[in-house]
């Protein structure tokens, strides 16, 4: 379960055919969540 987050940092990791976004609590080095997209960020694919 993800704890209640009041302050987060989102780190984007873009590649040619994919993008990933890590969500880190304030001051943490380990992400609590990663969102991954198989297509580039500007594509119309979900």
C-alpha atoms as a PDB file:
ATOM      1  CA  UNK A   1       0.000   0.000   0.000  1.00  0.00           C
ATOM      2  CA  UNK A   2       1.218   3.496  -0.822  1.00  0.00           C
ATOM      3  CA  UNK A   3       1.282   5.869   2.164  1.00  0.00           C
ATOM      4  CA  UNK A   4      -0.420   9.261   2.060  1.00  0.00           C
ATOM      5  CA  UNK A   5       1.864  11.600   0.118  1.00  0.00           C
ATOM      6  CA  UNK A   6       1.820  15.332   0.849  1.00  0.00           C
ATOM      7  CA  UNK A   7       4.969  16.281  -1.063  1.00  0.00           C
ATOM      8  CA  UNK A   8       6.435  14.277  -3.956  1.00  0.00           C
ATOM      9  CA  UNK A   9       9.023  14.528  -6.695  1.00  0.00           C
ATOM     10  CA  UNK A  10       8.315  13.069 -10.141  1.00  0.00           C
ATOM     11  CA  UNK A  11      11.348  12.005 -12.163  1.00  0.00           C
ATOM     12  CA  UNK A  12      10.860  11.408 -15.899  1.00  0.00           C
ATOM     13  CA  UNK A  13      12.946   8.863 -17.803  1.00  0.00           C
ATOM     14  CA  UNK A  14      12.382   9.297 -21.554  1.00  0.00           C
ATOM     15  CA  UNK A  15      13.607   6.914 -24.230  1.00  0.00           C
ATOM     16  CA  UNK A  16      12.935   6.709 -27.970  1.00  0.00           C
ATOM     17  CA  UNK A  17      10.032   4.219 -27.669  1.00  0.00           C
ATOM     18  CA  UNK A  18       8.949   4.595 -24.045  1.00  0.00           C
ATOM     19  CA  UNK A  19       8.705   6.856 -21.055  1.00  0.00           C
ATOM     20  CA  UNK A  20       8.691   6.141 -17.318  1.00  0.00           C
ATOM     21  CA  UNK A  21       7.822   8.387 -14.397  1.00  0.00           C
ATOM     22  CA  UNK A  22       9.028   7.610 -10.861  1.00  0.00           C
ATOM     23  CA  UNK A  23       7.153   9.119  -7.904  1.00  0.00           C
ATOM     24  CA  UNK A  24       9.331   9.708  -4.846  1.00  0.00           C
ATOM     25  CA  UNK A  25       8.201  10.972  -1.424  1.00  0.00           C
ATOM     26  CA  UNK A  26       9.943  14.156  -0.282  1.00  0.00           C
ATOM     27  CA  UNK A  27      13.555  13.429   0.645  1.00  0.00           C
ATOM     28  CA  UNK A  28      13.441   9.765  -0.428  1.00  0.00           C
ATOM     29  CA  UNK A  29      15.746   8.014  -2.889  1.00  0.00           C
ATOM     30  CA  UNK A  30      13.458   5.055  -3.589  1.00  0.00           C
ATOM     31  CA  UNK A  31      10.289   5.544  -5.661  1.00  0.00           C
ATOM     32  CA  UNK A  32       6.957   4.375  -4.250  1.00  0.00           C
ATOM     33  CA  UNK A  33       5.415   4.154  -7.712  1.00  0.00           C
ATOM     34  CA  UNK A  34       6.499   3.948 -11.360  1.00  0.00           C
ATOM     35  CA  UNK A  35       4.232   4.794 -14.278  1.00  0.00           C
ATOM     36  CA  UNK A  36       5.385   3.332 -17.595  1.00  0.00           C
ATOM     37  CA  UNK A  37       4.230   4.158 -21.132  1.00  0.00           C
ATOM     38  CA  UNK A  38       5.321   1.949 -24.055  1.00  0.00           C
ATOM     39  CA  UNK A  39       5.094   4.767 -26.587  1.00  0.00           C
ATOM     40  CA  UNK A  40       6.788   8.157 -26.572  1.00  0.00           C
ATOM     41  CA  UNK A  41       5.197  10.793 -24.350  1.00  0.00           C
ATOM     42  CA  UNK A  42       3.865  12.883 -27.264  1.00  0.00           C
ATOM     43  CA  UNK A  43       2.136   9.963 -29.016  1.00  0.00           C
ATOM     44  CA  UNK A  44      -1.630   9.511 -29.021  1.00  0.00           C
ATOM     45  CA  UNK A  45      -1.348   5.946 -27.766  1.00  0.00           C
ATOM     46  CA  UNK A  46      -2.493   5.494 -24.150  1.00  0.00           C
END
